[in-house]
Amino acid sequence: MRKVSGVLAVGLLCLAACSDTPSPAPAAKPSPTPVRTTPTPPPPPADGELPRGGRVIFPKYQLVGYVGLPGSPALGPLDKDLDAKAAKLEKLAQAYADGRTPQPVMELIAVVARGSRGKDGMYRGRLDDSAIEQYLTVARKHKMLLLLDIQPGRAKILPEVKRLERWLKEPDVGLAFDPEWAVGPGQVPGRVFGHTTGVELDSIAAYLSGLVTANDLPEKVFVFHQLSARIVSNEKALKPHPGVVTIKSVDGIGARTDKLKTWAKLTTSLPPAVHAGFKLFYTEDTRHGPLMTPPQVLALKPRPELVIYE
């Protein structure tokens, strides 16, 4: 199972930024000028466009991303030093251009699965809005897309998505869902594999499509991560939705030969509405050999249109 120890540790690591219940209203203060703990993000791209122009993702752009959670290096590079990490990501994205325009992506784990039940028994922590605002500020500074990743624990996925609506209405903010960490009643993330269905994924895509239409947004990226075939059932129920670019990130771990087997198994019968994505793990993959290079990744069939590093 992927990142079990990392996720269980997050119960401690994200206490400063995560919560599982709404924050209480602060006590009234006499100061006439409220103090902001984070700067206001720069304005979104002009004319409701994507960070690097236009309103359509593919085939113009090649997406390349880092994933992370504040203060948790076990969950990816985006744990701190965001401007420095953005510079490294920019350079990495250029290595994947291959005839397309590189579009770097910051995938922030906004809802993280936990090994403890929390106050509401949902086995997940939620990142505070101030932390999301910080990441969006950096993403806009560097003309990057921001994806908000959800590991829902026992919580229902669609309410967790809708809770982030204020951010998803932004033209440069998309969504990622990690169903490996979506468990049922009586189950604990990290002890069992989570699960989703094509119907559930379709409901998320339909909701995002509604936001795009209602707010005249450019195409919005929706990523779902998949480690093995049993994570998603009845995938064919996932249909195309206007304004939504749906991507399956194949999260196979291990030696290159093992990752290629997982890739072939999970991409052979992709639904027409789904693009292919690929994930590389700096720690887990390199225990079994060298990390795959950009030319090796781009040689995969179908072409991974999103490549994520964790």
C-alpha atoms as a PDB file:
ATOM      1  CA  MET A   1       0.000   0.000   0.000  1.00  0.00           C
ATOM      2  CA  ARG A   2       1.267   3.468  -0.934  1.00  0.00           C
ATOM      3  CA  LYS A   3       2.413   6.018   1.611  1.00  0.00           C
ATOM      4  CA  VAL A   4       0.806   4.332   4.628  1.00  0.00           C
ATOM      5  CA  SER A   5       3.393   5.573   7.094  1.00  0.00           C
ATOM      6  CA  GLY A   6       3.394   9.025   5.512  1.00  0.00           C
ATOM      7  CA  VAL A   7      -0.359   9.410   5.787  1.00  0.00           C
ATOM      8  CA  LEU A   8      -0.507   8.183   9.368  1.00  0.00           C
ATOM      9  CA  ALA A   9       2.180  10.711  10.254  1.00  0.00           C
ATOM     10  CA  VAL A  10       0.190  13.489   8.636  1.00  0.00           C
ATOM     11  CA  GLY A  11      -2.215  13.367  11.555  1.00  0.00           C
ATOM     12  CA  LEU A  12       0.535  15.198  13.423  1.00  0.00           C
ATOM     13  CA  LEU A  13       2.176  17.078  10.572  1.00  0.00           C
ATOM     14  CA  CYS A  14      -0.910  18.914   9.378  1.00  0.00           C
ATOM     15  CA  LEU A  15      -2.277  19.967  12.751  1.00  0.00           C
ATOM     16  CA  ALA A  16      -1.019  23.493  12.187  1.00  0.00           C
ATOM     17  CA  ALA A  17      -2.772  23.830   8.829  1.00  0.00           C
ATOM     18  CA  CYS A  18      -5.517  21.186   8.813  1.00  0.00           C
ATOM     19  CA  SER A  19      -8.779  20.747  10.667  1.00  0.00           C
ATOM     20  CA  ASP A  20     -11.699  18.345  10.547  1.00  0.00           C
ATOM     21  CA  THR A  21     -14.305  20.778  11.832  1.00  0.00           C
ATOM     22  CA  PRO A  22     -15.109  24.390  10.877  1.00  0.00           C
ATOM     23  CA  SER A  23     -12.984  26.964  12.671  1.00  0.00           C
ATOM     24  CA  PRO A  24     -14.870  28.955  15.326  1.00  0.00           C
ATOM     25  CA  ALA A  25     -15.471  32.615  14.661  1.00  0.00           C
ATOM     26  CA  PRO A  26     -12.677  34.746  16.128  1.00  0.00           C
ATOM     27  CA  ALA A  27     -13.450  36.993  19.084  1.00  0.00           C
ATOM     28  CA  ALA A  28     -14.165  40.625  18.254  1.00  0.00           C
ATOM     29  CA  LYS A  29     -11.149  42.914  18.478  1.00  0.00           C
ATOM     30  CA  PRO A  30     -11.068  46.686  18.811  1.00  0.00           C
ATOM     31  CA  SER A  31      -8.569  47.147  15.973  1.00  0.00           C
ATOM     32  CA  PRO A  32     -10.284  48.840  12.998  1.00  0.00           C
ATOM     33  CA  THR A  33      -7.885  47.237  10.502  1.00  0.00           C
ATOM     34  CA  PRO A  34      -7.932  43.412  10.263  1.00  0.00           C
ATOM     35  CA  VAL A  35      -4.528  41.772   9.900  1.00  0.00           C
ATOM     36  CA  ARG A  36      -4.065  39.214   7.089  1.00  0.00           C
ATOM     37  CA  THR A  37      -1.828  36.243   7.780  1.00  0.00           C
ATOM     38  CA  THR A  38      -1.243  35.655   4.041  1.00  0.00           C
ATOM     39  CA  PRO A  39      -1.112  38.037   1.097  1.00  0.00           C
ATOM     40  CA  THR A  40      -4.031  38.364  -1.270  1.00  0.00           C
ATOM     41  CA  PRO A  41      -3.312  36.229  -4.347  1.00  0.00           C
ATOM     42  CA  PRO A  42      -2.484  38.110  -7.528  1.00  0.00           C
ATOM     43  CA  PRO A  43      -5.471  38.522  -9.857  1.00  0.00           C
ATOM     44  CA  PRO A  44      -6.310  35.549 -12.090  1.00  0.00           C
ATOM     45  CA  PRO A  45      -5.235  35.477 -15.734  1.00  0.00           C
ATOM     46  CA  ALA A  46      -6.863  38.165 -17.865  1.00  0.00           C
ATOM     47  CA  ASP A  47     -10.089  37.502 -19.749  1.00  0.00           C
ATOM     48  CA  GLY A  48     -10.746  34.248 -17.908  1.00  0.00           C
ATOM     49  CA  GLU A  49      -7.886  32.466 -19.644  1.00  0.00           C
ATOM     50  CA  LEU A  50      -5.539  29.710 -18.541  1.00  0.00           C
ATOM     51  CA  PRO A  51      -2.262  30.818 -16.901  1.00  0.00           C
ATOM     52  CA  ARG A  52      -0.317  30.662 -20.170  1.00  0.00           C
ATOM     53  CA  GLY A  53      -3.094  31.725 -22.504  1.00  0.00           C
ATOM     54  CA  GLY A  54      -6.170  30.322 -24.179  1.00  0.00           C
ATOM     55  CA  ARG A  55      -9.118  28.444 -22.742  1.00  0.00           C
ATOM     56  CA  VAL A  56      -8.432  24.883 -23.948  1.00  0.00           C
ATOM     57  CA  ILE A  57      -5.929  22.501 -22.310  1.00  0.00           C
ATOM     58  CA  PHE A  58      -5.190  19.893 -24.985  1.00  0.00           C
ATOM     59  CA  PRO A  59      -3.522  19.451 -27.397  1.00  0.00           C
ATOM     60  CA  LYS A  60      -1.657  22.733 -26.808  1.00  0.00           C
ATOM     61  CA  TYR A  61      -0.322  22.029 -23.330  1.00  0.00           C
ATOM     62  CA  GLN A  62       1.777  19.319 -21.717  1.00  0.00           C
ATOM     63  CA  LEU A  63       1.028  19.240 -17.981  1.00  0.00           C
ATOM     64  CA  VAL A  64       3.848  18.464 -15.518  1.00  0.00           C
ATOM     65  CA  GLY A  65       3.296  18.674 -11.800  1.00  0.00           C
ATOM     66  CA  TYR A  66       4.627  18.428  -8.272  1.00  0.00           C
ATOM     67  CA  VAL A  67       2.392  17.257  -5.426  1.00  0.00           C
ATOM     68  CA  GLY A  68       2.669  18.115  -1.761  1.00  0.00           C
ATOM     69  CA  LEU A  69       1.299  19.161   1.622  1.00  0.00           C
ATOM     70  CA  PRO A  70       2.710  21.915   3.858  1.00  0.00           C
ATOM     71  CA  GLY A  71       5.226  20.507   6.335  1.00  0.00           C
ATOM     72  CA  SER A  72       5.076  16.949   4.995  1.00  0.00           C
ATOM     73  CA  PRO A  73       8.054  16.093   2.742  1.00  0.00           C
ATOM     74  CA  ALA A  74       6.954  12.436   2.699  1.00  0.00           C
ATOM     75  CA  LEU A  75       3.975  13.429   0.540  1.00  0.00           C
ATOM     76  CA  GLY A  76       5.851  15.245  -2.215  1.00  0.00           C
ATOM     77  CA  PRO A  77       8.113  18.190  -3.064  1.00  0.00           C
ATOM     78  CA  LEU A  78       5.579  20.955  -2.376  1.00  0.00           C
ATOM     79  CA  ASP A  79       6.055  20.927   1.392  1.00  0.00           C
ATOM     80  CA  LYS A  80       7.964  24.234   1.676  1.00  0.00           C
ATOM     81  CA  ASP A  81      10.198  26.686  -0.233  1.00  0.00           C
ATOM     82  CA  LEU A  82       7.498  27.064  -2.860  1.00  0.00           C
ATOM     83  CA  ASP A  83       9.237  29.625  -5.064  1.00  0.00           C
ATOM     84  CA  ALA A  84      12.358  27.464  -5.269  1.00  0.00           C
ATOM     85  CA  LYS A  85      10.265  24.377  -6.006  1.00  0.00           C
ATOM     86  CA  ALA A  86       8.363  26.313  -8.683  1.00  0.00           C
ATOM     87  CA  ALA A  87      11.666  27.149 -10.402  1.00  0.00           C
ATOM     88  CA  LYS A  88      12.668  23.479 -10.386  1.00  0.00           C
ATOM     89  CA  LEU A  89       9.260  22.450 -11.692  1.00  0.00           C
ATOM     90  CA  GLU A  90       9.523  24.982 -14.522  1.00  0.00           C
ATOM     91  CA  LYS A  91      12.815  23.454 -15.631  1.00  0.00           C
ATOM     92  CA  LEU A  92      11.396  19.933 -15.375  1.00  0.00           C
ATOM     93  CA  ALA A  93       8.329  20.864 -17.407  1.00  0.00           C
ATOM     94  CA  GLN A  94      10.551  22.117 -20.231  1.00  0.00           C
ATOM     95  CA  ALA A  95      12.042  18.607 -20.493  1.00  0.00           C
ATOM     96  CA  TYR A  96       8.570  17.269 -21.348  1.00  0.00           C
ATOM     97  CA  ALA A  97       7.655  19.811 -24.042  1.00  0.00           C
ATOM     98  CA  ASP A  98       8.150  17.547 -27.072  1.00  0.00           C
ATOM     99  CA  GLY A  99       6.199  19.796 -29.424  1.00  0.00           C
ATOM    100  CA  ARG A 100       3.779  21.160 -26.829  1.00  0.00           C
ATOM    101  CA  THR A 101       3.744  24.169 -24.524  1.00  0.00           C
ATOM    102  CA  PRO A 102       4.809  23.155 -20.999  1.00  0.00           C
ATOM    103  CA  GLN A 103       2.211  23.985 -18.332  1.00  0.00           C
ATOM    104  CA  PRO A 104       3.484  23.346 -14.784  1.00  0.00           C
ATOM    105  CA  VAL A 105       0.957  22.200 -12.195  1.00  0.00           C
ATOM    106  CA  MET A 106       1.040  22.483  -8.409  1.00  0.00           C
ATOM    107  CA  GLU A 107      -1.075  19.706  -6.865  1.00  0.00           C
ATOM    108  CA  LEU A 108      -1.831  20.647  -3.276  1.00  0.00           C
ATOM    109  CA  ILE A 109      -3.314  18.015  -0.961  1.00  0.00           C
ATOM    110  CA  ALA A 110      -6.190  20.087   0.392  1.00  0.00           C
ATOM    111  CA  VAL A 111      -7.944  17.182   2.142  1.00  0.00           C
ATOM    112  CA  VAL A 112      -5.610  14.532   3.541  1.00  0.00           C
ATOM    113  CA  ALA A 113      -6.486  11.047   4.811  1.00  0.00           C
ATOM    114  CA  ARG A 114      -5.489  10.350   8.400  1.00  0.00           C
ATOM    115  CA  GLY A 115      -5.033   7.261  10.526  1.00  0.00           C
ATOM    116  CA  SER A 116      -7.047   8.771  13.403  1.00  0.00           C
ATOM    117  CA  ARG A 117     -10.782   9.439  13.356  1.00  0.00           C
ATOM    118  CA  GLY A 118     -10.728  13.152  14.148  1.00  0.00           C
ATOM    119  CA  LYS A 119     -13.539  15.058  15.881  1.00  0.00           C
ATOM    120  CA  ASP A 120     -16.143  14.115  13.264  1.00  0.00           C
ATOM    121  CA  GLY A 121     -14.978  10.529  12.721  1.00  0.00           C
ATOM    122  CA  MET A 122     -14.168  11.083   9.040  1.00  0.00           C
ATOM    123  CA  TYR A 123     -10.468  10.143   9.163  1.00  0.00           C
ATOM    124  CA  ARG A 124      -9.371  13.182   7.180  1.00  0.00           C
ATOM    125  CA  GLY A 125      -7.978  16.639   7.765  1.00  0.00           C
ATOM    126  CA  ARG A 126      -8.784  19.750   5.755  1.00  0.00           C
ATOM    127  CA  LEU A 127      -6.229  22.359   4.830  1.00  0.00           C
ATOM    128  CA  ASP A 128      -7.096  25.881   5.970  1.00  0.00           C
ATOM    129  CA  ASP A 129      -8.085  28.457   3.354  1.00  0.00           C
ATOM    130  CA  SER A 130      -5.046  30.544   4.275  1.00  0.00           C
ATOM    131  CA  ALA A 131      -2.736  27.718   3.172  1.00  0.00           C
ATOM    132  CA  ILE A 132      -4.623  27.261  -0.107  1.00  0.00           C
ATOM    133  CA  GLU A 133      -4.356  31.002  -0.670  1.00  0.00           C
ATOM    134  CA  GLN A 134      -0.596  30.833  -0.131  1.00  0.00           C
ATOM    135  CA  TYR A 135      -0.208  28.116  -2.774  1.00  0.00           C
ATOM    136  CA  LEU A 136      -2.468  29.929  -5.225  1.00  0.00           C
ATOM    137  CA  THR A 137      -0.374  33.071  -4.779  1.00  0.00           C
ATOM    138  CA  VAL A 138       2.785  31.185  -5.767  1.00  0.00           C
ATOM    139  CA  ALA A 139       1.040  29.367  -8.622  1.00  0.00           C
ATOM    140  CA  ARG A 140      -0.145  32.663 -10.115  1.00  0.00           C
ATOM    141  CA  LYS A 141       3.245  34.289  -9.661  1.00  0.00           C
ATOM    142  CA  HIS A 142       4.765  31.546 -11.821  1.00  0.00           C
ATOM    143  CA  LYS A 143       1.796  31.122 -14.214  1.00  0.00           C
ATOM    144  CA  MET A 144       1.033  27.604 -13.021  1.00  0.00           C
ATOM    145  CA  LEU A 145      -2.191  25.678 -12.568  1.00  0.00           C
ATOM    146  CA  LEU A 146      -3.221  24.769  -9.027  1.00  0.00           C
ATOM    147  CA  LEU A 147      -4.961  21.433  -8.418  1.00  0.00           C
ATOM    148  CA  LEU A 148      -6.672  20.784  -5.079  1.00  0.00           C
ATOM    149  CA  ASP A 149      -6.288  17.112  -4.216  1.00  0.00           C
ATOM    150  CA  ILE A 150      -8.811  15.308  -2.016  1.00  0.00           C
ATOM    151  CA  GLN A 151      -8.129  12.162   0.049  1.00  0.00           C
ATOM    152  CA  PRO A 152     -11.541  11.945   1.723  1.00  0.00           C
ATOM    153  CA  GLY A 153     -11.109   9.156   4.271  1.00  0.00           C
ATOM    154  CA  ARG A 154     -14.643   8.173   5.340  1.00  0.00           C
ATOM    155  CA  ALA A 155     -16.179  11.434   4.105  1.00  0.00           C
ATOM    156  CA  LYS A 156     -18.313  11.492   0.956  1.00  0.00           C
ATOM    157  CA  ILE A 157     -16.333  12.864  -1.956  1.00  0.00           C
ATOM    158  CA  LEU A 158     -18.857  15.207  -3.581  1.00  0.00           C
ATOM    159  CA  PRO A 159     -19.506  17.283  -0.406  1.00  0.00           C
ATOM    160  CA  GLU A 160     -15.741  17.605   0.030  1.00  0.00           C
ATOM    161  CA  VAL A 161     -15.486  18.876  -3.551  1.00  0.00           C
ATOM    162  CA  LYS A 162     -18.335  21.352  -3.104  1.00  0.00           C
ATOM    163  CA  ARG A 163     -16.748  22.695   0.080  1.00  0.00           C
ATOM    164  CA  LEU A 164     -13.908  23.948  -2.149  1.00  0.00           C
ATOM    165  CA  GLU A 165     -16.237  25.726  -4.570  1.00  0.00           C
ATOM    166  CA  ARG A 166     -14.906  29.220  -3.824  1.00  0.00           C
ATOM    167  CA  TRP A 167     -11.533  28.043  -5.141  1.00  0.00           C
ATOM    168  CA  LEU A 168     -12.869  25.918  -7.989  1.00  0.00           C
ATOM    169  CA  LYS A 169     -14.619  28.987  -9.412  1.00  0.00           C
ATOM    170  CA  GLU A 170     -11.172  30.394 -10.165  1.00  0.00           C
ATOM    171  CA  PRO A 171     -10.042  29.962 -13.799  1.00  0.00           C
ATOM    172  CA  ASP A 172      -6.671  28.463 -12.852  1.00  0.00           C
ATOM    173  CA  VAL A 173      -7.741  26.025 -10.115  1.00  0.00           C
ATOM    174  CA  GLY A 174      -8.616  22.396 -10.853  1.00  0.00           C
ATOM    175  CA  LEU A 175      -9.348  19.258  -8.855  1.00  0.00           C
ATOM    176  CA  ALA A 176      -7.694  15.928  -8.083  1.00  0.00           C
ATOM    177  CA  PHE A 177      -9.276  12.940  -6.321  1.00  0.00           C
ATOM    178  CA  ASP A 178      -7.312  10.067  -4.769  1.00  0.00           C
ATOM    179  CA  PRO A 179      -9.859   7.253  -4.278  1.00  0.00           C
ATOM    180  CA  GLU A 180      -7.249   4.932  -2.790  1.00  0.00           C
ATOM    181  CA  TRP A 181      -7.945   6.904   0.388  1.00  0.00           C
ATOM    182  CA  ALA A 182     -11.768   6.929   0.082  1.00  0.00           C
ATOM    183  CA  VAL A 183     -12.887   4.247   2.536  1.00  0.00           C
ATOM    184  CA  GLY A 184     -16.240   3.044   3.794  1.00  0.00           C
ATOM    185  CA  PRO A 185     -17.837   2.986   7.270  1.00  0.00           C
ATOM    186  CA  GLY A 186     -15.750   0.992   9.718  1.00  0.00           C
ATOM    187  CA  GLN A 187     -12.643   1.204   7.525  1.00  0.00           C
ATOM    188  CA  VAL A 188      -9.417   3.119   8.194  1.00  0.00           C
ATOM    189  CA  PRO A 189      -7.313   4.769   5.456  1.00  0.00           C
ATOM    190  CA  GLY A 190      -3.962   3.066   5.072  1.00  0.00           C
ATOM    191  CA  ARG A 191      -5.262  -0.287   6.338  1.00  0.00           C
ATOM    192  CA  VAL A 192      -7.411  -1.039   3.300  1.00  0.00           C
ATOM    193  CA  PHE A 193      -7.593   0.222  -0.270  1.00  0.00           C
ATOM    194  CA  GLY A 194     -10.279   2.792  -0.894  1.00  0.00           C
ATOM    195  CA  HIS A 195     -12.567   2.686  -3.894  1.00  0.00           C
ATOM    196  CA  THR A 196     -14.719   4.733  -6.253  1.00  0.00           C
ATOM    197  CA  THR A 197     -16.982   4.119  -9.231  1.00  0.00           C
ATOM    198  CA  GLY A 198     -17.407   5.553 -12.695  1.00  0.00           C
ATOM    199  CA  VAL A 199     -20.777   6.901 -11.580  1.00  0.00           C
ATOM    200  CA  GLU A 200     -19.181   8.777  -8.685  1.00  0.00           C
ATOM    201  CA  LEU A 201     -16.423  10.174 -10.901  1.00  0.00           C
ATOM    202  CA  ASP A 202     -19.051  11.235 -13.425  1.00  0.00           C
ATOM    203  CA  SER A 203     -20.954  13.141 -10.736  1.00  0.00           C
ATOM    204  CA  ILE A 204     -17.797  15.095  -9.882  1.00  0.00           C
ATOM    205  CA  ALA A 205     -17.103  15.899 -13.540  1.00  0.00           C
ATOM    206  CA  ALA A 206     -20.725  17.003 -14.015  1.00  0.00           C
ATOM    207  CA  TYR A 207     -20.497  19.328 -11.014  1.00  0.00           C
ATOM    208  CA  LEU A 208     -17.278  20.880 -12.318  1.00  0.00           C
ATOM    209  CA  SER A 209     -18.847  21.298 -15.751  1.00  0.00           C
ATOM    210  CA  GLY A 210     -21.679  23.243 -14.137  1.00  0.00           C
ATOM    211  CA  LEU A 211     -19.165  25.593 -12.489  1.00  0.00           C
ATOM    212  CA  VAL A 212     -17.380  26.146 -15.798  1.00  0.00           C
ATOM    213  CA  THR A 213     -20.627  27.015 -17.577  1.00  0.00           C
ATOM    214  CA  ALA A 214     -22.063  29.196 -14.820  1.00  0.00           C
ATOM    215  CA  ASN A 215     -18.861  31.200 -14.379  1.00  0.00           C
ATOM    216  CA  ASP A 216     -17.633  31.294 -17.997  1.00  0.00           C
ATOM    217  CA  LEU A 217     -14.381  29.560 -17.080  1.00  0.00           C
ATOM    218  CA  PRO A 218     -11.720  28.028 -19.312  1.00  0.00           C
ATOM    219  CA  GLU A 219     -11.417  24.250 -19.350  1.00  0.00           C
ATOM    220  CA  LYS A 220     -10.961  22.826 -15.874  1.00  0.00           C
ATOM    221  CA  VAL A 221      -8.659  19.904 -15.109  1.00  0.00           C
ATOM    222  CA  PHE A 222     -10.085  16.968 -13.132  1.00  0.00           C
ATOM    223  CA  VAL A 223      -7.569  14.258 -12.204  1.00  0.00           C
ATOM    224  CA  PHE A 224      -8.377  10.942 -10.571  1.00  0.00           C
ATOM    225  CA  HIS A 225      -5.499   8.830  -9.302  1.00  0.00           C
ATOM    226  CA  GLN A 226      -5.487   5.076  -9.753  1.00  0.00           C
ATOM    227  CA  LEU A 227      -2.985   2.600  -8.325  1.00  0.00           C
ATOM    228  CA  SER A 228      -4.672  -0.649  -9.385  1.00  0.00           C
ATOM    229  CA  ALA A 229      -7.696  -1.858 -11.326  1.00  0.00           C
ATOM    230  CA  ARG A 230      -9.729  -2.520  -8.181  1.00  0.00           C
ATOM    231  CA  ILE A 231      -9.643   1.151  -7.158  1.00  0.00           C
ATOM    232  CA  VAL A 232     -12.214   2.151  -9.820  1.00  0.00           C
ATOM    233  CA  SER A 233     -15.190   0.028 -10.880  1.00  0.00           C
ATOM    234  CA  ASN A 234     -17.504   0.568 -13.861  1.00  0.00           C
ATOM    235  CA  GLU A 235     -15.218   3.242 -15.271  1.00  0.00           C
ATOM    236  CA  LYS A 236     -17.210   3.322 -18.511  1.00  0.00           C
ATOM    237  CA  ALA A 237     -19.916   5.260 -16.645  1.00  0.00           C
ATOM    238  CA  LEU A 238     -17.593   8.278 -16.696  1.00  0.00           C
ATOM    239  CA  LYS A 239     -18.815  10.404 -19.611  1.00  0.00           C
ATOM    240  CA  PRO A 240     -17.548  13.574 -21.350  1.00  0.00           C
ATOM    241  CA  HIS A 241     -18.664  16.866 -19.803  1.00  0.00           C
ATOM    242  CA  PRO A 242     -18.321  20.291 -21.465  1.00  0.00           C
ATOM    243  CA  GLY A 243     -15.436  22.329 -20.122  1.00  0.00           C
ATOM    244  CA  VAL A 244     -13.895  19.501 -18.076  1.00  0.00           C
ATOM    245  CA  VAL A 245     -10.636  17.749 -18.997  1.00  0.00           C
ATOM    246  CA  THR A 246     -10.634  14.434 -17.126  1.00  0.00           C
ATOM    247  CA  ILE A 247      -7.283  12.706 -16.618  1.00  0.00           C
ATOM    248  CA  LYS A 248      -6.506   9.319 -15.096  1.00  0.00           C
ATOM    249  CA  SER A 249      -3.156   9.464 -13.296  1.00  0.00           C
ATOM    250  CA  VAL A 250      -1.698   5.949 -13.278  1.00  0.00           C
ATOM    251  CA  ASP A 251       0.101   5.734  -9.931  1.00  0.00           C
ATOM    252  CA  GLY A 252       1.945   2.441 -10.296  1.00  0.00           C
ATOM    253  CA  ILE A 253       4.968   2.097  -7.990  1.00  0.00           C
ATOM    254  CA  GLY A 254       8.222   0.225  -8.289  1.00  0.00           C
ATOM    255  CA  ALA A 255      10.702  -0.824 -10.932  1.00  0.00           C
ATOM    256  CA  ARG A 256      10.230   0.462 -14.447  1.00  0.00           C
ATOM    257  CA  THR A 257       8.983  -2.943 -15.655  1.00  0.00           C
ATOM    258  CA  ASP A 258       6.319  -3.007 -12.942  1.00  0.00           C
ATOM    259  CA  LYS A 259       5.216   0.551 -13.692  1.00  0.00           C
ATOM    260  CA  LEU A 260       4.893  -0.308 -17.381  1.00  0.00           C
ATOM    261  CA  LYS A 261       2.717  -3.321 -16.572  1.00  0.00           C
ATOM    262  CA  THR A 262       0.433  -1.170 -14.425  1.00  0.00           C
ATOM    263  CA  TRP A 263       0.334   1.448 -17.182  1.00  0.00           C
ATOM    264  CA  ALA A 264      -0.689  -1.068 -19.818  1.00  0.00           C
ATOM    265  CA  LYS A 265      -3.344  -2.575 -17.583  1.00  0.00           C
ATOM    266  CA  LEU A 266      -4.960   0.760 -16.663  1.00  0.00           C
ATOM    267  CA  THR A 267      -4.781   2.523 -20.032  1.00  0.00           C
ATOM    268  CA  THR A 268      -5.734  -0.228 -22.501  1.00  0.00           C
ATOM    269  CA  SER A 269      -9.443   0.588 -22.346  1.00  0.00           C
ATOM    270  CA  LEU A 270      -9.576   4.256 -21.405  1.00  0.00           C
ATOM    271  CA  PRO A 271     -13.066   5.744 -21.800  1.00  0.00           C
ATOM    272  CA  PRO A 272     -13.270   8.333 -24.597  1.00  0.00           C
ATOM    273  CA  ALA A 273     -13.687  11.080 -22.002  1.00  0.00           C
ATOM    274  CA  VAL A 274     -10.421  10.298 -20.197  1.00  0.00           C
ATOM    275  CA  HIS A 275      -6.861  11.426 -20.936  1.00  0.00           C
ATOM    276  CA  ALA A 276      -3.804   9.548 -19.681  1.00  0.00           C
ATOM    277  CA  GLY A 277      -1.533  10.720 -16.870  1.00  0.00           C
ATOM    278  CA  PHE A 278       1.483   9.145 -15.164  1.00  0.00           C
ATOM    279  CA  LYS A 279       2.996   9.497 -11.691  1.00  0.00           C
ATOM    280  CA  LEU A 280       6.616   9.102 -10.612  1.00  0.00           C
ATOM    281  CA  PHE A 281       7.685   8.646  -6.975  1.00  0.00           C
ATOM    282  CA  TYR A 282      11.060  10.045  -5.947  1.00  0.00           C
ATOM    283  CA  THR A 283      11.391   7.651  -3.002  1.00  0.00           C
ATOM    284  CA  GLU A 284       9.352   4.510  -3.713  1.00  0.00           C
ATOM    285  CA  ASP A 285      10.357   4.146  -7.382  1.00  0.00           C
ATOM    286  CA  THR A 286      14.067   4.646  -6.771  1.00  0.00           C
ATOM    287  CA  ARG A 287      14.158   1.813  -4.255  1.00  0.00           C
ATOM    288  CA  HIS A 288      13.872  -0.461  -7.277  1.00  0.00           C
ATOM    289  CA  GLY A 289      16.130   1.329  -9.770  1.00  0.00           C
ATOM    290  CA  PRO A 290      16.632   4.716 -11.413  1.00  0.00           C
ATOM    291  CA  LEU A 291      13.712   7.064 -11.863  1.00  0.00           C
ATOM    292  CA  MET A 292      12.251   6.990 -15.352  1.00  0.00           C
ATOM    293  CA  THR A 293      13.491   9.836 -17.541  1.00  0.00           C
ATOM    294  CA  PRO A 294      11.277  12.282 -19.479  1.00  0.00           C
ATOM    295  CA  PRO A 295      12.060  10.564 -22.834  1.00  0.00           C
ATOM    296  CA  GLN A 296      11.105   7.194 -21.320  1.00  0.00           C
ATOM    297  CA  VAL A 297       7.845   8.588 -19.983  1.00  0.00           C
ATOM    298  CA  LEU A 298       6.978  10.326 -23.250  1.00  0.00           C
ATOM    299  CA  ALA A 299       7.579   7.063 -25.115  1.00  0.00           C
ATOM    300  CA  LEU A 300       4.575   5.495 -23.357  1.00  0.00           C
ATOM    301  CA  LYS A 301       1.494   4.810 -25.440  1.00  0.00           C
ATOM    302  CA  PRO A 302      -0.850   6.620 -25.124  1.00  0.00           C
ATOM    303  CA  ARG A 303       1.209   9.722 -24.423  1.00  0.00           C
ATOM    304  CA  PRO A 304       0.890  10.827 -20.770  1.00  0.00           C
ATOM    305  CA  GLU A 305      -0.534  14.321 -21.061  1.00  0.00           C
ATOM    306  CA  LEU A 306      -0.006  14.910 -17.355  1.00  0.00           C
ATOM    307  CA  VAL A 307       3.143  13.756 -15.505  1.00  0.00           C
ATOM    308  CA  ILE A 308       3.194  14.144 -11.723  1.00  0.00           C
ATOM    309  CA  TYR A 309       6.129  13.812  -9.351  1.00  0.00           C
ATOM    310  CA  GLU A 310       5.634  12.871  -5.693  1.00  0.00           C
END
